[in-house]
Amino acid sequence: MMIEDFILEGRSNGISQAEISRIANIPERAVRREVDEARINRGQLIIGDESGYYFPSDESDIAEYVNRRKASIRTSKKALKPFIQALRR
């Protein structure tokens, strides 16, 4: 089975990483890897948030996810900046 087989459409149908791990009998870390692989290699639009993993039910779900990921990237860049500066010394 593929990770997509455990995921349904809509936030209200979100399934937790722990639940997928239990059902699929794989470690939670493997769930994250499988979700990333499905997104990157198979183009699956799998959203992950406090509701769990789910497929978007409309464009607003997609836009919200994209905005949340962009904000996370900006924060990560800011947090990384002092480390990069330390390497340049």
C-alpha atoms as a PDB file:
ATOM      1  CA  MET A   1       0.000   0.000   0.000  1.00  0.00           C
ATOM      2  CA  MET A   2       1.014   3.579  -0.561  1.00  0.00           C
ATOM      3  CA  ILE A   3       0.720   6.308   2.046  1.00  0.00           C
ATOM      4  CA  GLU A   4      -2.001   7.925  -0.059  1.00  0.00           C
ATOM      5  CA  ASP A   5      -4.245   4.936   0.669  1.00  0.00           C
ATOM      6  CA  PHE A   6      -4.567   6.056   4.301  1.00  0.00           C
ATOM      7  CA  ILE A   7      -5.370   9.689   3.585  1.00  0.00           C
ATOM      8  CA  LEU A   8      -8.808  11.136   2.843  1.00  0.00           C
ATOM      9  CA  GLU A   9     -10.027  14.452   1.493  1.00  0.00           C
ATOM     10  CA  GLY A  10     -10.865  17.318   3.818  1.00  0.00           C
ATOM     11  CA  ARG A  11      -9.554  18.650   7.112  1.00  0.00           C
ATOM     12  CA  SER A  12     -12.345  16.953   9.048  1.00  0.00           C
ATOM     13  CA  ASN A  13     -11.042  13.620   7.740  1.00  0.00           C
ATOM     14  CA  GLY A  14      -7.443  14.243   8.786  1.00  0.00           C
ATOM     15  CA  ILE A  15      -5.535  11.225  10.073  1.00  0.00           C
ATOM     16  CA  SER A  16      -2.685  11.566  12.534  1.00  0.00           C
ATOM     17  CA  GLN A  17       0.831  10.396  11.925  1.00  0.00           C
ATOM     18  CA  ALA A  18       0.474   8.089  14.934  1.00  0.00           C
ATOM     19  CA  GLU A  19      -2.693   6.544  13.512  1.00  0.00           C
ATOM     20  CA  ILE A  20      -1.115   5.900  10.113  1.00  0.00           C
ATOM     21  CA  SER A  21       1.888   4.436  11.906  1.00  0.00           C
ATOM     22  CA  ARG A  22      -0.354   2.091  13.872  1.00  0.00           C
ATOM     23  CA  ILE A  23      -2.504   1.014  10.925  1.00  0.00           C
ATOM     24  CA  ALA A  24       0.397   0.593   8.481  1.00  0.00           C
ATOM     25  CA  ASN A  25       2.649  -0.930  11.140  1.00  0.00           C
ATOM     26  CA  ILE A  26       5.525   1.418  10.304  1.00  0.00           C
ATOM     27  CA  PRO A  27       7.434   3.880  12.502  1.00  0.00           C
ATOM     28  CA  GLU A  28       6.155   7.464  12.668  1.00  0.00           C
ATOM     29  CA  ARG A  29       9.381   8.682  11.099  1.00  0.00           C
ATOM     30  CA  ALA A  30       8.657   6.431   8.110  1.00  0.00           C
ATOM     31  CA  VAL A  31       5.214   8.039   7.787  1.00  0.00           C
ATOM     32  CA  ARG A  32       6.853  11.465   7.449  1.00  0.00           C
ATOM     33  CA  ARG A  33       9.313  10.120   4.874  1.00  0.00           C
ATOM     34  CA  GLU A  34       6.511   8.482   2.884  1.00  0.00           C
ATOM     35  CA  VAL A  35       4.433  11.672   2.914  1.00  0.00           C
ATOM     36  CA  ASP A  36       7.434  13.687   1.697  1.00  0.00           C
ATOM     37  CA  GLU A  37       8.092  11.124  -1.029  1.00  0.00           C
ATOM     38  CA  ALA A  38       4.461  11.238  -2.163  1.00  0.00           C
ATOM     39  CA  ARG A  39       4.597  15.037  -2.309  1.00  0.00           C
ATOM     40  CA  ILE A  40       7.946  15.279  -4.082  1.00  0.00           C
ATOM     41  CA  ASN A  41       8.010  12.244  -6.369  1.00  0.00           C
ATOM     42  CA  ARG A  42       4.326  11.666  -7.073  1.00  0.00           C
ATOM     43  CA  GLY A  43       2.970  15.209  -6.855  1.00  0.00           C
ATOM     44  CA  GLN A  44       0.440  14.352  -4.147  1.00  0.00           C
ATOM     45  CA  LEU A  45      -1.112  17.381  -2.451  1.00  0.00           C
ATOM     46  CA  ILE A  46      -1.006  16.049   1.088  1.00  0.00           C
ATOM     47  CA  ILE A  47      -1.603  18.658   3.754  1.00  0.00           C
ATOM     48  CA  GLY A  48      -0.382  18.099   7.279  1.00  0.00           C
ATOM     49  CA  ASP A  49      -1.553  20.196  10.199  1.00  0.00           C
ATOM     50  CA  GLU A  50      -3.090  19.860  13.665  1.00  0.00           C
ATOM     51  CA  SER A  51      -5.961  17.914  12.068  1.00  0.00           C
ATOM     52  CA  GLY A  52      -3.562  15.318  10.694  1.00  0.00           C
ATOM     53  CA  TYR A  53      -2.801  14.465   7.084  1.00  0.00           C
ATOM     54  CA  TYR A  54      -5.478  15.030   4.450  1.00  0.00           C
ATOM     55  CA  PHE A  55      -6.005  15.934   0.824  1.00  0.00           C
ATOM     56  CA  PRO A  56      -7.265  19.480   0.237  1.00  0.00           C
ATOM     57  CA  SER A  57     -10.956  19.832  -0.443  1.00  0.00           C
ATOM     58  CA  ASP A  58     -10.622  23.201  -2.192  1.00  0.00           C
ATOM     59  CA  GLU A  59      -8.169  25.916  -3.191  1.00  0.00           C
ATOM     60  CA  SER A  60      -8.445  27.659   0.174  1.00  0.00           C
ATOM     61  CA  ASP A  61      -6.964  24.567   1.860  1.00  0.00           C
ATOM     62  CA  ILE A  62      -4.052  24.703  -0.585  1.00  0.00           C
ATOM     63  CA  ALA A  63      -3.512  28.456  -0.149  1.00  0.00           C
ATOM     64  CA  GLU A  64      -3.564  28.160   3.639  1.00  0.00           C
ATOM     65  CA  TYR A  65      -1.022  25.325   3.553  1.00  0.00           C
ATOM     66  CA  VAL A  66       1.278  27.217   1.163  1.00  0.00           C
ATOM     67  CA  ASN A  67       1.157  30.347   3.326  1.00  0.00           C
ATOM     68  CA  ARG A  68       1.894  28.333   6.473  1.00  0.00           C
ATOM     69  CA  ARG A  69       4.876  26.608   4.822  1.00  0.00           C
ATOM     70  CA  LYS A  70       6.242  29.921   3.496  1.00  0.00           C
ATOM     71  CA  ALA A  71       6.041  31.421   6.993  1.00  0.00           C
ATOM     72  CA  SER A  72       7.869  28.408   8.387  1.00  0.00           C
ATOM     73  CA  ILE A  73      10.609  28.795   5.780  1.00  0.00           C
ATOM     74  CA  ARG A  74      11.025  32.488   6.631  1.00  0.00           C
ATOM     75  CA  THR A  75      11.337  31.655  10.326  1.00  0.00           C
ATOM     76  CA  SER A  76      13.851  28.892   9.603  1.00  0.00           C
ATOM     77  CA  LYS A  77      15.962  31.267   7.521  1.00  0.00           C
ATOM     78  CA  LYS A  78      16.021  33.815  10.351  1.00  0.00           C
ATOM     79  CA  ALA A  79      16.991  31.152  12.878  1.00  0.00           C
ATOM     80  CA  LEU A  80      19.775  29.907  10.601  1.00  0.00           C
ATOM     81  CA  LYS A  81      21.277  33.341   9.965  1.00  0.00           C
ATOM     82  CA  PRO A  82      23.458  33.576  13.124  1.00  0.00           C
ATOM     83  CA  PHE A  83      24.902  30.131  12.407  1.00  0.00           C
ATOM     84  CA  ILE A  84      25.845  31.135   8.861  1.00  0.00           C
ATOM     85  CA  GLN A  85      27.423  34.325  10.211  1.00  0.00           C
ATOM     86  CA  ALA A  86      29.409  32.296  12.738  1.00  0.00           C
ATOM     87  CA  LEU A  87      30.888  30.210   9.916  1.00  0.00           C
ATOM     88  CA  ARG A  88      32.020  33.331   8.084  1.00  0.00           C
ATOM     89  CA  ARG A  89      34.143  34.530  11.006  1.00  0.00           C
END
